[in-house]
Amino acid sequence: MLVDALAAAQVLSEIGYLLRQDPDERFRAKAFSAAAWSLALQRPDLVSLQRTEHLTSIEGVGEGIARVLSDLIKSGESRYLNRLREQFKQPARVDESDLDFSAYQGDVHSHTGWSDGRATMLEMAEGAQALGYAYLGITDHSPRITVVHGLNAERLVAQSREMAEVQKQMDGLTLLQGIEVDILEDGSLDLPDSVLEILDVVIASPHVKLRQEPGAMTERMLRAVSHPHVDVIGHPTGRRPGSREGASYDFEAVFKEAAKHEVALEIDCDPARMDLSPEMARLAYECGCSFAVDADAHAPAEFAYVPMALWMARRAGIPQDRILNFRPLDELTMAR
């Protein structure tokens, strides 16, 4: 059985995710995630490299990870991953979905130098265009977290002028102007409706006060998912596996309310977040939710987070028709 680079990247990504559950394996977890990212970026011919014993020529792949890859290439599955699934008591999934990255139409959550991104809008657009995306959401931060230099109404207007100029240079890629707006402690949002209603994409995310009492956090999230201008709830728990627990609230109640209002929940593929988790995404799916599977990219290379972490949606059993990013632009529910 031939194993391509993206399939192998997803195996290494899942290994890294599971290792993060053990505080003593933090550094090894990061090593597997970094190697997965290299595979998703470089797309090397793994079979040839394995045959010539050159797997370690891939950036981030040492002898240990090379052995895991070699086993995967030879057998079509990873015994190491299977052991970790058993060790960390991962639920068996007999209905994993069949998601093909080649059908992925575009990412709706990305950042530029307008807030805390590390690339210009043009560089991000060129990166998305190189991947064949049909659309890209530019969703820099709102003002609440001052350290990321978030955008107020005036700066959004200025950004729109730059977007118009960048759009002229794009062939086949449509830029969507949006915002990642903070969900405040009472569930209100960090920008007024008069601003949110004119944007293409509104991602509402919890960033601060994540340890709020569960009852209050539930009310906070219920208010956010019922907001008429919210399209997506970004990284819905705010967790960082291995370093920060996410918010605790009545997930089932919030997910059902999100489904009622046709607000998508994000599966953030940044290896530092991986939020929603496959287990939580499965619950949301059973509650009737749709999803956005995004890189939350802050630089063009980070678009590779999606193909390396698509296993999360697959393991949750989420079919393609429940994921916004597999829809053409004219079918996006957020397109106003």
Protein backbone atom coordinates (compact mmCIF):
# COMPACT_ATOMS: atom_id res chain seq x y z
CA MET A 1 0.00 0.00 0.00
CA LEU A 2 1.47 3.34 -1.08
CA VAL A 3 1.40 6.10 1.52
CA ASP A 4 1.55 9.67 0.28
CA ALA A 5 3.04 12.56 2.20
CA LEU A 6 -0.29 14.06 3.28
CA ALA A 7 -1.56 10.76 4.67
CA ALA A 8 1.71 10.32 6.56
CA ALA A 9 1.51 13.92 7.82
CA GLN A 10 -1.88 13.19 9.33
CA VAL A 11 -0.53 10.10 11.11
CA LEU A 12 2.36 12.08 12.60
CA SER A 13 0.00 14.92 13.52
CA GLU A 14 -2.28 12.55 15.41
CA ILE A 15 0.71 11.04 17.20
CA GLY A 16 1.81 14.52 18.25
CA TYR A 17 -1.71 15.31 19.43
CA LEU A 18 -1.89 12.19 21.59
CA LEU A 19 1.57 12.68 23.04
CA ARG A 20 0.52 16.15 24.20
CA GLN A 21 -1.80 14.46 26.67
CA ASP A 22 1.29 13.38 28.65
CA PRO A 23 3.18 16.33 30.21
CA ASP A 24 6.41 14.30 30.08
CA GLU A 25 6.11 13.93 26.29
CA ARG A 26 5.70 17.61 25.49
CA PHE A 27 8.92 17.93 23.48
CA ARG A 28 8.41 14.69 21.58
CA ALA A 29 4.88 15.79 20.78
CA LYS A 30 6.21 19.01 19.26
CA ALA A 31 8.77 17.02 17.27
CA PHE A 32 6.06 14.85 15.69
CA SER A 33 3.92 17.90 14.94
CA ALA A 34 6.88 19.69 13.34
CA ALA A 35 7.69 16.64 11.21
CA ALA A 36 4.04 16.43 10.14
CA TRP A 37 4.18 20.08 9.10
CA SER A 38 7.32 19.42 7.03
CA LEU A 39 5.59 16.58 5.20
CA ALA A 40 2.50 18.70 4.50
CA LEU A 41 4.67 21.55 3.19
CA GLN A 42 7.23 19.61 1.18
CA ARG A 43 5.16 16.63 -0.06
CA PRO A 44 8.26 14.41 -0.47
CA ASP A 45 8.25 11.02 -2.21
CA LEU A 46 8.27 8.92 0.94
CA VAL A 47 8.48 5.56 -0.81
CA SER A 48 11.66 6.54 -2.64
CA LEU A 49 13.20 8.04 0.47
CA GLN A 50 12.38 4.95 2.49
CA ARG A 51 13.82 2.67 -0.20
CA THR A 52 17.10 4.60 -0.21
CA GLU A 53 17.11 5.03 3.58
CA HIS A 54 16.95 8.81 3.31
CA LEU A 55 13.83 9.58 5.36
CA THR A 56 15.95 11.58 7.78
CA SER A 57 16.72 14.01 4.95
CA ILE A 58 13.24 15.45 5.55
CA GLU A 59 13.42 18.48 7.83
CA GLY A 60 12.42 17.56 11.36
CA VAL A 61 12.57 13.78 10.80
CA GLY A 62 15.11 12.08 13.06
CA GLU A 63 15.82 8.40 13.45
CA GLY A 64 12.84 7.71 15.73
CA ILE A 65 10.27 9.43 13.51
CA ALA A 66 11.89 7.81 10.46
CA ARG A 67 11.20 4.40 11.98
CA VAL A 68 7.55 5.32 12.50
CA LEU A 69 7.34 6.48 8.88
CA SER A 70 9.08 3.36 7.60
CA ASP A 71 6.58 1.14 9.43
CA LEU A 72 3.73 3.18 7.97
CA ILE A 73 5.12 2.98 4.43
CA LYS A 74 5.67 -0.77 4.64
CA SER A 75 2.39 -1.78 6.25
CA GLY A 76 -0.04 1.05 5.47
CA GLU A 77 -0.68 1.66 9.16
CA SER A 78 1.24 2.83 12.20
CA ARG A 79 1.61 0.38 15.04
CA TYR A 80 2.91 3.21 17.21
CA LEU A 81 -0.23 5.29 16.58
CA ASN A 82 -2.40 2.27 17.33
CA ARG A 83 -0.61 1.77 20.66
CA LEU A 84 -1.06 5.42 21.56
CA ARG A 85 -4.76 5.30 20.72
CA GLU A 86 -5.10 2.37 23.07
CA GLN A 87 -2.92 3.94 25.76
CA PHE A 88 -4.90 7.18 25.77
CA LYS A 89 -8.23 5.35 25.48
CA GLN A 90 -9.32 6.95 22.24
CA PRO A 91 -12.84 5.91 21.27
CA ALA A 92 -13.00 3.49 18.38
CA ARG A 93 -14.38 5.12 15.25
CA VAL A 94 -15.77 2.71 12.70
CA ASP A 95 -17.41 5.53 10.72
CA GLU A 96 -14.45 7.78 9.96
CA SER A 97 -15.32 10.08 7.09
CA ASP A 98 -13.48 10.13 3.79
CA LEU A 99 -12.21 13.69 3.36
CA ASP A 100 -9.95 14.58 0.46
CA PHE A 101 -7.89 17.76 0.77
CA SER A 102 -7.93 18.20 -3.02
CA ALA A 103 -11.63 19.13 -2.67
CA TYR A 104 -10.94 21.79 -0.01
CA GLN A 105 -12.08 25.13 -1.46
CA GLY A 106 -10.65 27.69 0.91
CA ASP A 107 -9.75 28.78 4.43
CA VAL A 108 -11.92 31.34 6.20
CA HIS A 109 -9.63 32.11 9.18
CA SER A 110 -6.26 33.78 8.62
CA HIS A 111 -4.23 36.68 9.95
CA THR A 112 -1.95 39.29 8.40
CA GLY A 113 0.40 42.00 9.57
CA TRP A 114 -2.65 44.15 10.21
CA SER A 115 -2.86 42.39 13.58
CA ASP A 116 -0.55 39.59 14.78
CA GLY A 117 0.20 37.88 11.46
CA ARG A 118 3.74 37.59 10.19
CA ALA A 119 3.04 38.26 6.51
CA THR A 120 1.38 40.88 4.37
CA MET A 121 -2.08 40.41 2.92
CA LEU A 122 -0.53 39.97 -0.52
CA GLU A 123 1.79 37.23 0.75
CA MET A 124 -1.09 35.41 2.42
CA ALA A 125 -3.21 35.70 -0.71
CA GLU A 126 -0.37 34.40 -2.89
CA GLY A 127 0.07 31.46 -0.53
CA ALA A 128 -3.61 30.57 -0.78
CA GLN A 129 -3.58 31.04 -4.53
CA ALA A 130 -0.61 28.67 -4.86
CA LEU A 131 -2.69 25.99 -3.13
CA GLY A 132 -5.50 26.48 -5.62
CA TYR A 133 -7.92 27.93 -3.09
CA ALA A 134 -11.05 29.62 -4.45
CA TYR A 135 -11.32 31.95 -1.45
CA LEU A 136 -9.48 33.14 1.64
CA GLY A 137 -10.94 34.84 4.69
CA ILE A 138 -8.74 37.63 6.08
CA THR A 139 -9.85 37.70 9.71
CA ASP A 140 -7.52 39.79 11.79
CA HIS A 141 -8.24 40.41 15.45
CA SER A 142 -10.62 42.91 17.00
CA PRO A 143 -9.31 45.58 19.44
CA ARG A 144 -9.93 43.81 22.78
CA ILE A 145 -6.52 42.13 23.05
CA THR A 146 -4.32 45.17 22.64
CA VAL A 147 -1.08 43.19 22.31
CA VAL A 148 -2.17 41.87 18.88
CA HIS A 149 -2.94 45.37 17.57
CA GLY A 150 -6.54 44.52 16.68
CA LEU A 151 -8.63 46.41 14.16
CA ASN A 152 -11.32 48.94 15.00
CA ALA A 153 -13.82 50.27 12.46
CA GLU A 154 -11.42 52.85 11.05
CA ARG A 155 -8.63 50.35 10.51
CA LEU A 156 -11.05 47.89 8.90
CA VAL A 157 -11.93 50.57 6.36
CA ALA A 158 -8.23 51.12 5.66
CA GLN A 159 -7.73 47.37 5.36
CA SER A 160 -10.57 47.16 2.85
CA ARG A 161 -8.74 49.59 0.59
CA GLU A 162 -5.64 47.41 0.65
CA MET A 163 -7.77 44.33 0.03
CA ALA A 164 -9.23 45.91 -3.10
CA GLU A 165 -5.70 46.47 -4.44
CA VAL A 166 -4.55 42.95 -3.57
CA GLN A 167 -7.70 41.47 -5.12
CA LYS A 168 -6.77 43.04 -8.46
CA GLN A 169 -3.59 40.94 -8.44
CA MET A 170 -5.37 37.64 -7.76
CA ASP A 171 -6.54 35.27 -10.47
CA GLY A 172 -9.14 32.77 -9.30
CA LEU A 173 -8.91 33.67 -5.59
CA THR A 174 -11.58 35.75 -3.87
CA LEU A 175 -10.60 37.54 -0.68
CA LEU A 176 -13.23 37.78 2.04
CA GLN A 177 -12.87 40.60 4.53
CA GLY A 178 -13.67 39.50 8.04
CA ILE A 179 -12.70 39.76 11.66
CA GLU A 180 -11.90 37.44 14.54
CA VAL A 181 -13.92 39.23 17.16
CA ASP A 182 -13.57 38.56 20.86
CA ILE A 183 -16.45 37.10 22.83
CA LEU A 184 -16.52 39.32 25.90
CA GLU A 185 -17.26 38.04 29.41
CA ASP A 186 -20.99 38.71 29.10
CA GLY A 187 -21.24 37.14 25.63
CA SER A 188 -21.35 40.43 23.74
CA LEU A 189 -18.85 41.03 20.94
CA ASP A 190 -15.91 43.37 20.69
CA LEU A 191 -17.26 45.40 17.75
CA PRO A 192 -20.68 46.95 17.14
CA ASP A 193 -23.27 45.38 14.86
CA SER A 194 -22.94 48.28 12.42
CA VAL A 195 -19.40 47.07 11.70
CA LEU A 196 -19.99 43.32 11.82
CA GLU A 197 -22.93 43.42 9.43
CA ILE A 198 -20.85 44.73 6.52
CA LEU A 199 -18.12 42.08 6.79
CA ASP A 200 -17.99 38.87 4.75
CA VAL A 201 -16.86 36.64 7.62
CA VAL A 202 -17.34 37.07 11.37
CA ILE A 203 -15.49 34.58 13.56
CA ALA A 204 -16.30 34.98 17.25
CA SER A 205 -13.71 33.45 19.57
CA PRO A 206 -13.17 33.11 23.31
CA HIS A 207 -9.68 34.36 24.16
CA VAL A 208 -9.78 35.62 27.75
CA LYS A 209 -11.39 34.61 31.05
CA LEU A 210 -11.52 30.98 29.92
CA ARG A 211 -11.74 29.78 33.52
CA GLN A 212 -15.03 31.59 34.00
CA GLU A 213 -17.51 29.60 36.09
CA PRO A 214 -19.21 27.00 33.81
CA GLY A 215 -22.70 28.41 34.20
CA ALA A 216 -21.59 31.92 33.29
CA MET A 217 -19.44 30.56 30.48
CA THR A 218 -22.44 28.68 29.10
CA GLU A 219 -24.53 31.87 29.04
CA ARG A 220 -21.62 33.71 27.44
CA MET A 221 -21.30 31.16 24.63
CA LEU A 222 -25.08 30.85 24.13
CA ARG A 223 -25.28 34.57 23.58
CA ALA A 224 -22.41 34.46 21.08
CA VAL A 225 -23.80 31.62 18.97
CA SER A 226 -27.20 33.32 18.78
CA HIS A 227 -25.74 36.63 17.55
CA PRO A 228 -27.18 37.40 14.11
CA HIS A 229 -23.85 38.44 12.57
CA VAL A 230 -21.68 35.54 13.78
CA ASP A 231 -20.76 32.96 11.14
CA VAL A 232 -18.22 30.78 12.97
CA ILE A 233 -17.19 30.18 16.58
CA GLY A 234 -13.40 30.10 16.47
CA HIS A 235 -11.48 27.49 18.51
CA PRO A 236 -14.58 27.02 20.70
CA THR A 237 -12.88 26.02 23.97
CA GLY A 238 -9.71 28.10 23.73
CA ARG A 239 -7.63 25.14 24.87
CA ARG A 240 -3.95 24.49 24.15
CA PRO A 241 -3.32 20.74 24.57
CA GLY A 242 -0.55 20.03 27.03
CA SER A 243 -0.33 23.59 28.32
CA ARG A 244 -3.78 25.11 28.89
CA GLU A 245 -7.17 23.64 29.61
CA GLY A 246 -10.02 25.05 27.63
CA ALA A 247 -13.21 26.61 28.89
CA SER A 248 -15.77 24.40 30.55
CA TYR A 249 -19.45 24.92 29.75
CA ASP A 250 -22.60 23.03 28.76
CA PHE A 251 -21.25 21.96 25.39
CA GLU A 252 -24.36 20.12 24.26
CA ALA A 253 -26.60 23.13 24.94
CA VAL A 254 -24.24 25.52 23.15
CA PHE A 255 -23.74 23.17 20.19
CA LYS A 256 -27.48 22.70 19.75
CA GLU A 257 -27.99 26.47 19.84
CA ALA A 258 -25.23 26.92 17.25
CA ALA A 259 -26.93 24.38 14.99
CA LYS A 260 -30.26 26.17 15.45
CA HIS A 261 -28.74 29.46 14.30
CA GLU A 262 -26.62 27.84 11.55
CA VAL A 263 -23.40 29.04 13.16
CA ALA A 264 -20.46 26.80 12.28
CA LEU A 265 -18.01 25.53 14.87
CA GLU A 266 -14.33 25.64 14.06
CA ILE A 267 -11.85 22.81 14.03
CA ASP A 268 -8.70 24.92 14.38
CA CYS A 269 -5.83 22.93 12.88
CA ASP A 270 -3.01 24.87 14.53
CA PRO A 271 -1.14 22.07 16.35
CA ALA A 272 -0.97 24.28 19.44
CA ARG A 273 -4.80 24.39 19.54
CA MET A 274 -6.50 21.44 17.76
CA ASP A 275 -9.82 22.80 18.92
CA LEU A 276 -12.44 21.37 18.63
CA SER A 277 -10.95 18.02 19.51
CA PRO A 278 -12.18 15.00 17.52
CA GLU A 279 -14.22 13.88 20.52
CA MET A 280 -15.86 17.28 20.98
CA ALA A 281 -16.38 17.67 17.23
CA ARG A 282 -18.23 14.35 17.21
CA LEU A 283 -20.58 15.63 19.91
CA ALA A 284 -21.16 18.82 17.91
CA TYR A 285 -21.85 16.78 14.77
CA GLU A 286 -24.45 14.72 16.64
CA CYS A 287 -26.01 18.00 17.81
CA GLY A 288 -26.50 18.99 14.16
CA CYS A 289 -23.63 21.45 13.76
CA SER A 290 -21.69 22.42 10.66
CA PHE A 291 -17.97 23.10 10.80
CA ALA A 292 -15.15 25.26 9.49
CA VAL A 293 -11.80 23.47 9.27
CA ASP A 294 -9.19 26.22 9.28
CA ALA A 295 -5.46 26.74 9.65
CA ASP A 296 -5.76 29.96 11.68
CA ALA A 297 -2.64 30.78 9.66
CA HIS A 298 -0.41 33.67 10.65
CA ALA A 299 2.02 33.05 7.76
CA PRO A 300 1.60 31.35 4.35
CA ALA A 301 3.45 28.18 5.39
CA GLU A 302 0.86 27.60 8.10
CA PHE A 303 -1.83 26.87 5.51
CA ALA A 304 -0.28 23.39 5.63
CA TYR A 305 -1.88 22.92 9.04
CA VAL A 306 -5.14 21.94 7.32
CA PRO A 307 -3.92 18.94 5.29
CA MET A 308 -1.78 17.74 8.21
CA ALA A 309 -4.70 17.90 10.67
CA LEU A 310 -7.64 16.91 8.50
CA TRP A 311 -7.55 13.61 10.40
CA MET A 312 -9.38 15.41 13.22
CA ALA A 313 -12.55 15.90 11.19
CA ARG A 314 -12.19 12.46 9.63
CA ARG A 315 -11.81 10.76 13.01
CA ALA A 316 -14.87 12.63 14.27
CA GLY A 317 -16.82 11.12 11.38
CA ILE A 318 -17.81 14.50 9.93
CA PRO A 319 -18.90 14.21 6.29
CA GLN A 320 -17.79 16.66 3.66
CA ASP A 321 -21.22 18.27 3.31
CA ARG A 322 -21.06 19.47 6.94
CA ILE A 323 -17.79 21.38 6.38
CA LEU A 324 -18.03 24.89 4.95
CA ASN A 325 -14.56 24.82 3.42
CA PHE A 326 -15.56 22.14 0.93
CA ARG A 327 -18.32 24.34 -0.49
CA PRO A 328 -17.86 26.67 -3.47
CA LEU A 329 -17.96 30.37 -2.68
CA ASP A 330 -21.54 30.88 -3.81
CA GLU A 331 -22.72 28.19 -1.38
CA LEU A 332 -21.02 29.52 1.73
CA THR A 333 -23.70 30.32 4.29
CA MET A 334 -21.61 33.29 5.41
CA ALA A 335 -21.57 34.90 1.96
CA ARG A 336 -23.85 37.92 2.31
